[in-house]
Amino acid sequence: METIQLDQFTKAVFWKKYKVNFVVYEKELIQKGVQNLEAPLDILLRFNEEIFNYLDQTFGEEWQKEAPAGILGLEDWGKRTDSRENQRKIKEKILQN
């Protein structure tokens, strides 16, 4: 119970500080097809990437150290080369069993 409360607190502080919101997920639930996504995975990845771009331009890379776990596509953000190719790789990684 404490972990959930701490995680919610961390997210709330991050959202308030940077005035953004992301698509947050549980990788295991997506892989099992249990987590319902509000839009296709590719669109959610693009949405988050736009926010990542904004944060990088506004705050540099420091925000990434404070970001809570579970933000869709964040763990691979620093490794990206081409946005479309990156989205495909992230999607494959998430959907692998």
PDB file of N, CA and C in Angstrom:
ATOM      1  N   MET A   1       0.822  -1.198   0.000  1.00  0.00           N
ATOM      2  CA  MET A   1       0.000   0.000   0.000  1.00  0.00           C
ATOM      3  C   MET A   1       0.866   1.262   0.000  1.00  0.00           C
ATOM      4  N   GLU A   2       1.951   1.272   0.749  1.00  0.00           N
ATOM      5  CA  GLU A   2       2.818   2.453   0.802  1.00  0.00           C
ATOM      6  C   GLU A   2       3.426   2.748  -0.554  1.00  0.00           C
ATOM      7  N   THR A   3       3.817   1.701  -1.313  1.00  0.00           N
ATOM      8  CA  THR A   3       4.420   1.907  -2.620  1.00  0.00           C
ATOM      9  C   THR A   3       3.446   2.614  -3.552  1.00  0.00           C
ATOM     10  N   ILE A   4       2.188   2.203  -3.547  1.00  0.00           N
ATOM     11  CA  ILE A   4       1.186   2.826  -4.403  1.00  0.00           C
ATOM     12  C   ILE A   4       1.015   4.291  -4.024  1.00  0.00           C
ATOM     13  N   GLN A   5       0.922   4.584  -2.735  1.00  0.00           N
ATOM     14  CA  GLN A   5       0.749   5.967  -2.300  1.00  0.00           C
ATOM     15  C   GLN A   5       1.969   6.810  -2.666  1.00  0.00           C
ATOM     16  N   LEU A   6       3.166   6.274  -2.498  1.00  0.00           N
ATOM     17  CA  LEU A   6       4.389   6.996  -2.848  1.00  0.00           C
ATOM     18  C   LEU A   6       4.430   7.246  -4.349  1.00  0.00           C
ATOM     19  N   ASP A   7       4.067   6.243  -5.145  1.00  0.00           N
ATOM     20  CA  ASP A   7       4.057   6.392  -6.591  1.00  0.00           C
ATOM     21  C   ASP A   7       3.060   7.471  -7.019  1.00  0.00           C
ATOM     22  N   GLN A   8       1.883   7.479  -6.426  1.00  0.00           N
ATOM     23  CA  GLN A   8       0.883   8.499  -6.749  1.00  0.00           C
ATOM     24  C   GLN A   8       1.381   9.886  -6.354  1.00  0.00           C
ATOM     25  N   PHE A   9       2.046   9.978  -5.219  1.00  0.00           N
ATOM     26  CA  PHE A   9       2.603  11.247  -4.773  1.00  0.00           C
ATOM     27  C   PHE A   9       3.673  11.738  -5.754  1.00  0.00           C
ATOM     28  N   THR A  10       4.568  10.830  -6.159  1.00  0.00           N
ATOM     29  CA  THR A  10       5.633  11.175  -7.108  1.00  0.00           C
ATOM     30  C   THR A  10       5.044  11.703  -8.403  1.00  0.00           C
ATOM     31  N   LYS A  11       4.019  11.029  -8.919  1.00  0.00           N
ATOM     32  CA  LYS A  11       3.383  11.472 -10.159  1.00  0.00           C
ATOM     33  C   LYS A  11       2.754  12.845  -9.984  1.00  0.00           C
ATOM     34  N   ALA A  12       2.054  13.043  -8.877  1.00  0.00           N
ATOM     35  CA  ALA A  12       1.380  14.322  -8.639  1.00  0.00           C
ATOM     36  C   ALA A  12       2.388  15.474  -8.573  1.00  0.00           C
ATOM     37  N   VAL A  13       3.505  15.258  -7.909  1.00  0.00           N
ATOM     38  CA  VAL A  13       4.540  16.295  -7.802  1.00  0.00           C
ATOM     39  C   VAL A  13       5.124  16.591  -9.187  1.00  0.00           C
ATOM     40  N   PHE A  14       5.409  15.548  -9.946  1.00  0.00           N
ATOM     41  CA  PHE A  14       5.976  15.725 -11.282  1.00  0.00           C
ATOM     42  C   PHE A  14       5.007  16.475 -12.194  1.00  0.00           C
ATOM     43  N   TRP A  15       3.738  16.046 -12.222  1.00  0.00           N
ATOM     44  CA  TRP A  15       2.740  16.690 -13.088  1.00  0.00           C
ATOM     45  C   TRP A  15       2.606  18.170 -12.733  1.00  0.00           C
ATOM     46  N   LYS A  16       2.589  18.462 -11.431  1.00  0.00           N
ATOM     47  CA  LYS A  16       2.409  19.847 -10.996  1.00  0.00           C
ATOM     48  C   LYS A  16       3.633  20.705 -11.353  1.00  0.00           C
ATOM     49  N   LYS A  17       4.815  20.167 -11.140  1.00  0.00           N
ATOM     50  CA  LYS A  17       6.042  20.919 -11.403  1.00  0.00           C
ATOM     51  C   LYS A  17       6.197  21.249 -12.887  1.00  0.00           C
ATOM     52  N   TYR A  18       5.985  20.246 -13.749  1.00  0.00           N
ATOM     53  CA  TYR A  18       6.234  20.438 -15.173  1.00  0.00           C
ATOM     54  C   TYR A  18       4.975  20.783 -15.979  1.00  0.00           C
ATOM     55  N   LYS A  19       3.818  20.748 -15.327  1.00  0.00           N
ATOM     56  CA  LYS A  19       2.542  21.104 -15.957  1.00  0.00           C
ATOM     57  C   LYS A  19       2.264  20.309 -17.231  1.00  0.00           C
ATOM     58  N   VAL A  20       2.531  19.013 -17.169  1.00  0.00           N
ATOM     59  CA  VAL A  20       2.258  18.105 -18.283  1.00  0.00           C
ATOM     60  C   VAL A  20       1.633  16.827 -17.741  1.00  0.00           C
ATOM     61  N   ASN A  21       1.109  16.043 -18.642  1.00  0.00           N
ATOM     62  CA  ASN A  21       0.593  14.725 -18.288  1.00  0.00           C
ATOM     63  C   ASN A  21       0.966  13.764 -19.400  1.00  0.00           C
ATOM     64  N   PHE A  22       1.173  12.527 -19.044  1.00  0.00           N
ATOM     65  CA  PHE A  22       1.581  11.497 -19.988  1.00  0.00           C
ATOM     66  C   PHE A  22       0.596  10.351 -19.961  1.00  0.00           C
ATOM     67  N   VAL A  23       0.745   9.488 -20.950  1.00  0.00           N
ATOM     68  CA  VAL A  23       0.075   8.198 -20.912  1.00  0.00           C
ATOM     69  C   VAL A  23       0.964   7.296 -20.062  1.00  0.00           C
ATOM     70  N   VAL A  24       0.434   6.827 -18.954  1.00  0.00           N
ATOM     71  CA  VAL A  24       1.163   5.958 -18.039  1.00  0.00           C
ATOM     72  C   VAL A  24       0.599   4.558 -18.214  1.00  0.00           C
ATOM     73  N   TYR A  25       1.421   3.555 -18.051  1.00  0.00           N
ATOM     74  CA  TYR A  25       0.992   2.195 -18.329  1.00  0.00           C
ATOM     75  C   TYR A  25       1.693   1.202 -17.412  1.00  0.00           C
ATOM     76  N   GLU A  26       1.183   0.003 -17.437  1.00  0.00           N
ATOM     77  CA  GLU A  26       1.852  -1.132 -16.806  1.00  0.00           C
ATOM     78  C   GLU A  26       2.246  -2.063 -17.939  1.00  0.00           C
ATOM     79  N   LYS A  27       3.525  -2.180 -18.215  1.00  0.00           N
ATOM     80  CA  LYS A  27       4.019  -2.953 -19.351  1.00  0.00           C
ATOM     81  C   LYS A  27       3.466  -4.376 -19.365  1.00  0.00           C
ATOM     82  N   GLU A  28       3.431  -4.995 -18.209  1.00  0.00           N
ATOM     83  CA  GLU A  28       2.958  -6.380 -18.127  1.00  0.00           C
ATOM     84  C   GLU A  28       1.485  -6.476 -18.520  1.00  0.00           C
ATOM     85  N   LEU A  29       0.681  -5.488 -18.137  1.00  0.00           N
ATOM     86  CA  LEU A  29      -0.739  -5.517 -18.473  1.00  0.00           C
ATOM     87  C   LEU A  29      -0.970  -5.289 -19.968  1.00  0.00           C
ATOM     88  N   ILE A  30      -0.160  -4.454 -20.586  1.00  0.00           N
ATOM     89  CA  ILE A  30      -0.273  -4.252 -22.033  1.00  0.00           C
ATOM     90  C   ILE A  30       0.099  -5.538 -22.751  1.00  0.00           C
ATOM     91  N   GLN A  31       1.174  -6.181 -22.318  1.00  0.00           N
ATOM     92  CA  GLN A  31       1.614  -7.422 -22.951  1.00  0.00           C
ATOM     93  C   GLN A  31       0.533  -8.500 -22.872  1.00  0.00           C
ATOM     94  N   LYS A  32      -0.166  -8.557 -21.767  1.00  0.00           N
ATOM     95  CA  LYS A  32      -1.230  -9.554 -21.584  1.00  0.00           C
ATOM     96  C   LYS A  32      -2.535  -9.120 -22.250  1.00  0.00           C
ATOM     97  N   GLY A  33      -2.587  -7.892 -22.753  1.00  0.00           N
ATOM     98  CA  GLY A  33      -3.803  -7.390 -23.373  1.00  0.00           C
ATOM     99  C   GLY A  33      -4.865  -7.006 -22.364  1.00  0.00           C
ATOM    100  N   VAL A  34      -4.455  -6.799 -21.109  1.00  0.00           N
ATOM    101  CA  VAL A  34      -5.400  -6.495 -20.044  1.00  0.00           C
ATOM    102  C   VAL A  34      -5.639  -4.996 -19.915  1.00  0.00           C
ATOM    103  N   GLN A  35      -4.584  -4.196 -20.059  1.00  0.00           N
ATOM    104  CA  GLN A  35      -4.748  -2.755 -19.900  1.00  0.00           C
ATOM    105  C   GLN A  35      -5.421  -2.185 -21.136  1.00  0.00           C
ATOM    106  N   ASN A  36      -6.491  -1.465 -20.910  1.00  0.00           N
ATOM    107  CA  ASN A  36      -7.203  -0.831 -22.006  1.00  0.00           C
ATOM    108  C   ASN A  36      -6.523   0.484 -22.336  1.00  0.00           C
ATOM    109  N   LEU A  37      -6.149   0.642 -23.588  1.00  0.00           N
ATOM    110  CA  LEU A  37      -5.555   1.885 -24.037  1.00  0.00           C
ATOM    111  C   LEU A  37      -6.647   2.738 -24.661  1.00  0.00           C
ATOM    112  N   GLU A  38      -6.580   4.034 -24.439  1.00  0.00           N
ATOM    113  CA  GLU A  38      -7.609   4.953 -24.925  1.00  0.00           C
ATOM    114  C   GLU A  38      -7.482   5.219 -26.419  1.00  0.00           C
ATOM    115  N   ALA A  39      -6.359   4.862 -27.009  1.00  0.00           N
ATOM    116  CA  ALA A  39      -6.101   5.076 -28.430  1.00  0.00           C
ATOM    117  C   ALA A  39      -5.088   4.014 -28.861  1.00  0.00           C
ATOM    118  N   PRO A  40      -4.865   3.860 -30.161  1.00  0.00           N
ATOM    119  CA  PRO A  40      -3.831   2.903 -30.603  1.00  0.00           C
ATOM    120  C   PRO A  40      -2.470   3.258 -30.006  1.00  0.00           C
ATOM    121  N   LEU A  41      -1.687   2.246 -29.750  1.00  0.00           N
ATOM    122  CA  LEU A  41      -0.385   2.410 -29.109  1.00  0.00           C
ATOM    123  C   LEU A  41       0.504   3.399 -29.860  1.00  0.00           C
ATOM    124  N   ASP A  42       0.502   3.361 -31.192  1.00  0.00           N
ATOM    125  CA  ASP A  42       1.325   4.287 -31.977  1.00  0.00           C
ATOM    126  C   ASP A  42       0.966   5.746 -31.685  1.00  0.00           C
ATOM    127  N   ILE A  43      -0.307   6.029 -31.566  1.00  0.00           N
ATOM    128  CA  ILE A  43      -0.756   7.400 -31.297  1.00  0.00           C
ATOM    129  C   ILE A  43      -0.349   7.828 -29.893  1.00  0.00           C
ATOM    130  N   LEU A  44      -0.484   6.927 -28.933  1.00  0.00           N
ATOM    131  CA  LEU A  44      -0.082   7.250 -27.560  1.00  0.00           C
ATOM    132  C   LEU A  44       1.415   7.513 -27.481  1.00  0.00           C
ATOM    133  N   LEU A  45       2.207   6.732 -28.215  1.00  0.00           N
ATOM    134  CA  LEU A  45       3.653   6.960 -28.244  1.00  0.00           C
ATOM    135  C   LEU A  45       3.974   8.334 -28.841  1.00  0.00           C
ATOM    136  N   ARG A  46       3.302   8.693 -29.928  1.00  0.00           N
ATOM    137  CA  ARG A  46       3.541  10.000 -30.549  1.00  0.00           C
ATOM    138  C   ARG A  46       3.145  11.131 -29.609  1.00  0.00           C
ATOM    139  N   PHE A  47       2.030  10.959 -28.896  1.00  0.00           N
ATOM    140  CA  PHE A  47       1.584  11.957 -27.922  1.00  0.00           C
ATOM    141  C   PHE A  47       2.673  12.187 -26.870  1.00  0.00           C
ATOM    142  N   ASN A  48       3.164  11.087 -26.302  1.00  0.00           N
ATOM    143  CA  ASN A  48       4.201  11.213 -25.277  1.00  0.00           C
ATOM    144  C   ASN A  48       5.488  11.795 -25.853  1.00  0.00           C
ATOM    145  N   GLU A  49       5.844  11.414 -27.081  1.00  0.00           N
ATOM    146  CA  GLU A  49       7.068  11.944 -27.676  1.00  0.00           C
ATOM    147  C   GLU A  49       6.995  13.459 -27.865  1.00  0.00           C
ATOM    148  N   GLU A  50       5.823  13.965 -28.191  1.00  0.00           N
ATOM    149  CA  GLU A  50       5.661  15.424 -28.308  1.00  0.00           C
ATOM    150  C   GLU A  50       5.921  16.091 -26.955  1.00  0.00           C
ATOM    151  N   ILE A  51       5.435  15.481 -25.898  1.00  0.00           N
ATOM    152  CA  ILE A  51       5.664  16.022 -24.554  1.00  0.00           C
ATOM    153  C   ILE A  51       7.141  15.906 -24.190  1.00  0.00           C
ATOM    154  N   PHE A  52       7.782  14.776 -24.549  1.00  0.00           N
ATOM    155  CA  PHE A  52       9.217  14.620 -24.285  1.00  0.00           C
ATOM    156  C   PHE A  52      10.000  15.727 -24.994  1.00  0.00           C
ATOM    157  N   ASN A  53       9.651  15.998 -26.252  1.00  0.00           N
ATOM    158  CA  ASN A  53      10.322  17.076 -27.007  1.00  0.00           C
ATOM    159  C   ASN A  53      10.164  18.412 -26.303  1.00  0.00           C
ATOM    160  N   TYR A  54       8.931  18.708 -25.888  1.00  0.00           N
ATOM    161  CA  TYR A  54       8.665  19.967 -25.179  1.00  0.00           C
ATOM    162  C   TYR A  54       9.520  20.068 -23.921  1.00  0.00           C
ATOM    163  N   LEU A  55       9.527  19.013 -23.128  1.00  0.00           N
ATOM    164  CA  LEU A  55      10.281  19.038 -21.874  1.00  0.00           C
ATOM    165  C   LEU A  55      11.780  19.168 -22.129  1.00  0.00           C
ATOM    166  N   ASP A  56      12.297  18.458 -23.135  1.00  0.00           N
ATOM    167  CA  ASP A  56      13.716  18.568 -23.470  1.00  0.00           C
ATOM    168  C   ASP A  56      14.068  19.996 -23.873  1.00  0.00           C
ATOM    169  N   GLN A  57      13.220  20.616 -24.694  1.00  0.00           N
ATOM    170  CA  GLN A  57      13.489  21.982 -25.151  1.00  0.00           C
ATOM    171  C   GLN A  57      13.365  22.991 -24.012  1.00  0.00           C
ATOM    172  N   THR A  58      12.447  22.748 -23.088  1.00  0.00           N
ATOM    173  CA  THR A  58      12.181  23.706 -22.021  1.00  0.00           C
ATOM    174  C   THR A  58      13.092  23.514 -20.812  1.00  0.00           C
ATOM    175  N   PHE A  59      13.344  22.250 -20.436  1.00  0.00           N
ATOM    176  CA  PHE A  59      14.068  21.966 -19.191  1.00  0.00           C
ATOM    177  C   PHE A  59      15.366  21.192 -19.396  1.00  0.00           C
ATOM    178  N   GLY A  60      15.736  20.914 -20.631  1.00  0.00           N
ATOM    179  CA  GLY A  60      16.891  20.057 -20.865  1.00  0.00           C
ATOM    180  C   GLY A  60      16.526  18.621 -20.506  1.00  0.00           C
ATOM    181  N   GLU A  61      17.499  17.801 -20.163  1.00  0.00           N
ATOM    182  CA  GLU A  61      17.226  16.394 -19.867  1.00  0.00           C
ATOM    183  C   GLU A  61      17.012  16.133 -18.372  1.00  0.00           C
ATOM    184  N   GLU A  62      17.111  17.153 -17.547  1.00  0.00           N
ATOM    185  CA  GLU A  62      16.969  16.975 -16.096  1.00  0.00           C
ATOM    186  C   GLU A  62      15.621  16.380 -15.694  1.00  0.00           C
ATOM    187  N   TRP A  63      14.557  16.742 -16.400  1.00  0.00           N
ATOM    188  CA  TRP A  63      13.220  16.266 -16.059  1.00  0.00           C
ATOM    189  C   TRP A  63      13.150  14.740 -16.076  1.00  0.00           C
ATOM    190  N   GLN A  64      13.963  14.097 -16.925  1.00  0.00           N
ATOM    191  CA  GLN A  64      13.917  12.644 -17.059  1.00  0.00           C
ATOM    192  C   GLN A  64      14.311  11.943 -15.760  1.00  0.00           C
ATOM    193  N   LYS A  65      15.181  12.575 -14.969  1.00  0.00           N
ATOM    194  CA  LYS A  65      15.607  11.986 -13.702  1.00  0.00           C
ATOM    195  C   LYS A  65      14.482  11.994 -12.673  1.00  0.00           C
ATOM    196  N   GLU A  66      13.533  12.915 -12.823  1.00  0.00           N
ATOM    197  CA  GLU A  66      12.428  13.045 -11.876  1.00  0.00           C
ATOM    198  C   GLU A  66      11.158  12.338 -12.338  1.00  0.00           C
ATOM    199  N   ALA A  67      11.128  11.901 -13.578  1.00  0.00           N
ATOM    200  CA  ALA A  67       9.916  11.315 -14.143  1.00  0.00           C
ATOM    201  C   ALA A  67       9.545  10.015 -13.431  1.00  0.00           C
ATOM    202  N   PRO A  68       8.271   9.840 -13.094  1.00  0.00           N
ATOM    203  CA  PRO A  68       7.836   8.601 -12.449  1.00  0.00           C
ATOM    204  C   PRO A  68       7.883   7.430 -13.432  1.00  0.00           C
ATOM    205  N   ALA A  69       7.938   6.245 -12.897  1.00  0.00           N
ATOM    206  CA  ALA A  69       7.979   5.031 -13.723  1.00  0.00           C
ATOM    207  C   ALA A  69       6.663   4.851 -14.456  1.00  0.00           C
ATOM    208  N   GLY A  70       6.746   4.154 -15.585  1.00  0.00           N
ATOM    209  CA  GLY A  70       5.547   3.774 -16.308  1.00  0.00           C
ATOM    210  C   GLY A  70       5.093   4.732 -17.387  1.00  0.00           C
ATOM    211  N   ILE A  71       5.896   5.728 -17.721  1.00  0.00           N
ATOM    212  CA  ILE A  71       5.511   6.638 -18.793  1.00  0.00           C
ATOM    213  C   ILE A  71       5.818   5.940 -20.110  1.00  0.00           C
ATOM    214  N   LEU A  72       4.809   5.791 -20.907  1.00  0.00           N
ATOM    215  CA  LEU A  72       4.905   5.049 -22.159  1.00  0.00           C
ATOM    216  C   LEU A  72       5.992   5.622 -23.062  1.00  0.00           C
ATOM    217  N   GLY A  73       7.006   4.803 -23.385  1.00  0.00           N
ATOM    218  CA  GLY A  73       8.076   5.186 -24.298  1.00  0.00           C
ATOM    219  C   GLY A  73       9.252   5.899 -23.680  1.00  0.00           C
ATOM    220  N   LEU A  74       9.181   6.257 -22.409  1.00  0.00           N
ATOM    221  CA  LEU A  74      10.253   7.056 -21.807  1.00  0.00           C
ATOM    222  C   LEU A  74      11.560   6.289 -21.681  1.00  0.00           C
ATOM    223  N   GLU A  75      11.490   5.020 -21.309  1.00  0.00           N
ATOM    224  CA  GLU A  75      12.743   4.294 -21.083  1.00  0.00           C
ATOM    225  C   GLU A  75      13.589   4.187 -22.351  1.00  0.00           C
ATOM    226  N   ASP A  76      12.962   4.287 -23.515  1.00  0.00           N
ATOM    227  CA  ASP A  76      13.701   4.226 -24.775  1.00  0.00           C
ATOM    228  C   ASP A  76      13.909   5.600 -25.403  1.00  0.00           C
ATOM    229  N   TRP A  77      13.413   6.653 -24.759  1.00  0.00           N
ATOM    230  CA  TRP A  77      13.479   7.996 -25.325  1.00  0.00           C
ATOM    231  C   TRP A  77      14.904   8.431 -25.632  1.00  0.00           C
ATOM    232  N   GLY A  78      15.810   8.229 -24.730  1.00  0.00           N
ATOM    233  CA  GLY A  78      17.189   8.669 -24.921  1.00  0.00           C
ATOM    234  C   GLY A  78      17.922   7.892 -25.999  1.00  0.00           C
ATOM    235  N   LYS A  79      17.412   6.730 -26.365  1.00  0.00           N
ATOM    236  CA  LYS A  79      18.077   5.873 -27.345  1.00  0.00           C
ATOM    237  C   LYS A  79      17.554   6.098 -28.751  1.00  0.00           C
ATOM    238  N   ARG A  80      16.623   7.024 -28.919  1.00  0.00           N
ATOM    239  CA  ARG A  80      15.948   7.151 -30.208  1.00  0.00           C
ATOM    240  C   ARG A  80      16.859   7.701 -31.297  1.00  0.00           C
ATOM    241  N   THR A  81      16.551   7.313 -32.519  1.00  0.00           N
ATOM    242  CA  THR A  81      17.239   7.877 -33.679  1.00  0.00           C
ATOM    243  C   THR A  81      16.179   8.507 -34.566  1.00  0.00           C
ATOM    244  N   ASP A  82      15.393   7.717 -35.225  1.00  0.00           N
ATOM    245  CA  ASP A  82      14.293   8.206 -36.057  1.00  0.00           C
ATOM    246  C   ASP A  82      12.995   7.969 -35.312  1.00  0.00           C
ATOM    247  N   SER A  83      12.136   8.962 -35.254  1.00  0.00           N
ATOM    248  CA  SER A  83      10.921   8.884 -34.451  1.00  0.00           C
ATOM    249  C   SER A  83      10.022   7.707 -34.848  1.00  0.00           C
ATOM    250  N   ARG A  84       9.758   7.531 -36.139  1.00  0.00           N
ATOM    251  CA  ARG A  84       8.873   6.434 -36.564  1.00  0.00           C
ATOM    252  C   ARG A  84       9.491   5.074 -36.272  1.00  0.00           C
ATOM    253  N   GLU A  85      10.769   4.950 -36.550  1.00  0.00           N
ATOM    254  CA  GLU A  85      11.452   3.683 -36.275  1.00  0.00           C
ATOM    255  C   GLU A  85      11.471   3.417 -34.777  1.00  0.00           C
ATOM    256  N   ASN A  86      11.689   4.465 -33.992  1.00  0.00           N
ATOM    257  CA  ASN A  86      11.681   4.327 -32.549  1.00  0.00           C
ATOM    258  C   ASN A  86      10.312   3.867 -32.052  1.00  0.00           C
ATOM    259  N   GLN A  87       9.256   4.444 -32.570  1.00  0.00           N
ATOM    260  CA  GLN A  87       7.906   4.046 -32.174  1.00  0.00           C
ATOM    261  C   GLN A  87       7.672   2.570 -32.466  1.00  0.00           C
ATOM    262  N   ARG A  88       8.113   2.116 -33.652  1.00  0.00           N
ATOM    263  CA  ARG A  88       7.931   0.710 -34.016  1.00  0.00           C
ATOM    264  C   ARG A  88       8.684  -0.203 -33.043  1.00  0.00           C
ATOM    265  N   LYS A  89       9.926   0.159 -32.730  1.00  0.00           N
ATOM    266  CA  LYS A  89      10.726  -0.660 -31.820  1.00  0.00           C
ATOM    267  C   LYS A  89      10.120  -0.695 -30.417  1.00  0.00           C
ATOM    268  N   ILE A  90       9.672   0.455 -29.941  1.00  0.00           N
ATOM    269  CA  ILE A  90       9.070   0.507 -28.610  1.00  0.00           C
ATOM    270  C   ILE A  90       7.804  -0.334 -28.583  1.00  0.00           C
ATOM    271  N   LYS A  91       6.976  -0.214 -29.613  1.00  0.00           N
ATOM    272  CA  LYS A  91       5.738  -0.986 -29.670  1.00  0.00           C
ATOM    273  C   LYS A  91       6.042  -2.476 -29.659  1.00  0.00           C
ATOM    274  N   GLU A  92       7.005  -2.911 -30.460  1.00  0.00           N
ATOM    275  CA  GLU A  92       7.378  -4.325 -30.474  1.00  0.00           C
ATOM    276  C   GLU A  92       7.881  -4.784 -29.109  1.00  0.00           C
ATOM    277  N   LYS A  93       8.696  -3.952 -28.477  1.00  0.00           N
ATOM    278  CA  LYS A  93       9.240  -4.291 -27.162  1.00  0.00           C
ATOM    279  C   LYS A  93       8.148  -4.448 -26.131  1.00  0.00           C
ATOM    280  N   ILE A  94       7.166  -3.534 -26.145  1.00  0.00           N
ATOM    281  CA  ILE A  94       6.071  -3.579 -25.192  1.00  0.00           C
ATOM    282  C   ILE A  94       5.187  -4.800 -25.409  1.00  0.00           C
ATOM    283  N   LEU A  95       4.948  -5.138 -26.675  1.00  0.00           N
ATOM    284  CA  LEU A  95       4.009  -6.212 -26.975  1.00  0.00           C
ATOM    285  C   LEU A  95       4.637  -7.602 -26.948  1.00  0.00           C
ATOM    286  N   GLN A  96       5.970  -7.686 -26.802  1.00  0.00           N
ATOM    287  CA  GLN A  96       6.623  -8.997 -26.716  1.00  0.00           C
ATOM    288  C   GLN A  96       6.186  -9.720 -25.452  1.00  0.00           C
ATOM    289  N   ASN A  97       6.099 -11.032 -25.568  1.00  0.00           N
ATOM    290  CA  ASN A  97       5.733 -11.830 -24.362  1.00  0.00           C
ATOM    291  C   ASN A  97       6.927 -12.171 -23.550  1.00  0.00           C
TER     292      ASN A  97
END
